[in-house]
């Protein structure tokens, strides 16, 4: 893979640009679906816990 050319015409001595692009093109499919299914649930749970804690503190201060 010595001295391959990238689309801009600059030499890429290791051919790493092509390997990187192949990796980037393949990676989002699996990772994006996994993150999309678990990410919002975790954020929602954390948000609910924080909201309940804030309401509890405000109620405790109000009744004190």
Protein backbone atom coordinates (compact mmCIF):
# COMPACT_ATOMS: atom_id res chain seq x y z
CA UNK A 1 0.00 0.00 0.00
CA UNK A 2 2.80 2.40 -0.64
CA UNK A 3 2.02 5.84 -2.05
CA UNK A 4 -1.68 5.47 -2.85
CA UNK A 5 -3.47 8.63 -3.92
CA UNK A 6 -6.44 10.06 -2.06
CA UNK A 7 -9.14 12.00 -3.99
CA UNK A 8 -7.36 15.35 -3.49
CA UNK A 9 -4.24 13.99 -5.20
CA UNK A 10 -1.99 14.08 -2.12
CA UNK A 11 0.04 10.94 -1.47
CA UNK A 12 -1.11 8.75 1.43
CA UNK A 13 1.99 6.67 2.26
CA UNK A 14 0.26 4.07 4.44
CA UNK A 15 -3.07 4.00 2.68
CA UNK A 16 -4.60 4.82 6.06
CA UNK A 17 -7.21 7.18 4.62
CA UNK A 18 -8.88 4.37 2.70
CA UNK A 19 -8.84 2.07 5.72
CA UNK A 20 -10.25 4.84 7.94
CA UNK A 21 -13.04 5.63 5.50
CA UNK A 22 -13.96 1.95 5.28
CA UNK A 23 -14.09 1.79 9.08
CA UNK A 24 -16.18 4.95 9.39
CA UNK A 25 -18.60 3.80 6.70
CA UNK A 26 -19.20 0.45 8.45
CA UNK A 27 -19.11 1.50 12.13
CA UNK A 28 -22.24 3.69 12.55
CA UNK A 29 -24.74 0.97 11.64
CA UNK A 30 -24.22 -1.25 14.68
CA UNK A 31 -23.18 1.39 17.17
CA UNK A 32 -25.84 3.92 16.28
CA UNK A 33 -28.70 1.45 16.69
CA UNK A 34 -27.35 0.23 20.02
CA UNK A 35 -26.82 3.76 21.33
CA UNK A 36 -30.22 4.88 20.10
CA UNK A 37 -32.01 2.07 21.91
CA UNK A 38 -30.23 2.37 25.26
CA UNK A 39 -29.22 6.04 25.36
CA UNK A 40 -32.61 7.78 25.73
CA UNK A 41 -33.77 5.30 28.39
CA UNK A 42 -30.73 5.93 30.57
CA UNK A 43 -31.12 9.69 30.21
CA UNK A 44 -34.83 9.47 31.01
CA UNK A 45 -34.20 7.39 34.14
CA UNK A 46 -31.52 9.78 35.37
CA UNK A 47 -33.79 12.75 34.67
CA UNK A 48 -36.68 11.22 36.60
CA UNK A 49 -34.43 10.38 39.57
CA UNK A 50 -33.05 13.94 39.64
CA UNK A 51 -36.55 15.44 39.38
CA UNK A 52 -37.86 13.28 42.23
CA UNK A 53 -34.85 14.23 44.37
CA UNK A 54 -35.43 17.94 43.71
CA UNK A 55 -39.14 17.67 44.55
CA UNK A 56 -38.30 15.77 47.75
CA UNK A 57 -35.78 18.42 48.85
CA UNK A 58 -38.19 21.28 48.08
CA UNK A 59 -41.02 19.52 49.98
CA UNK A 60 -38.73 18.84 52.94
CA UNK A 61 -37.62 22.47 53.06
CA UNK A 62 -41.22 23.70 52.77
CA UNK A 63 -42.43 21.47 55.63
CA UNK A 64 -39.49 22.16 57.88
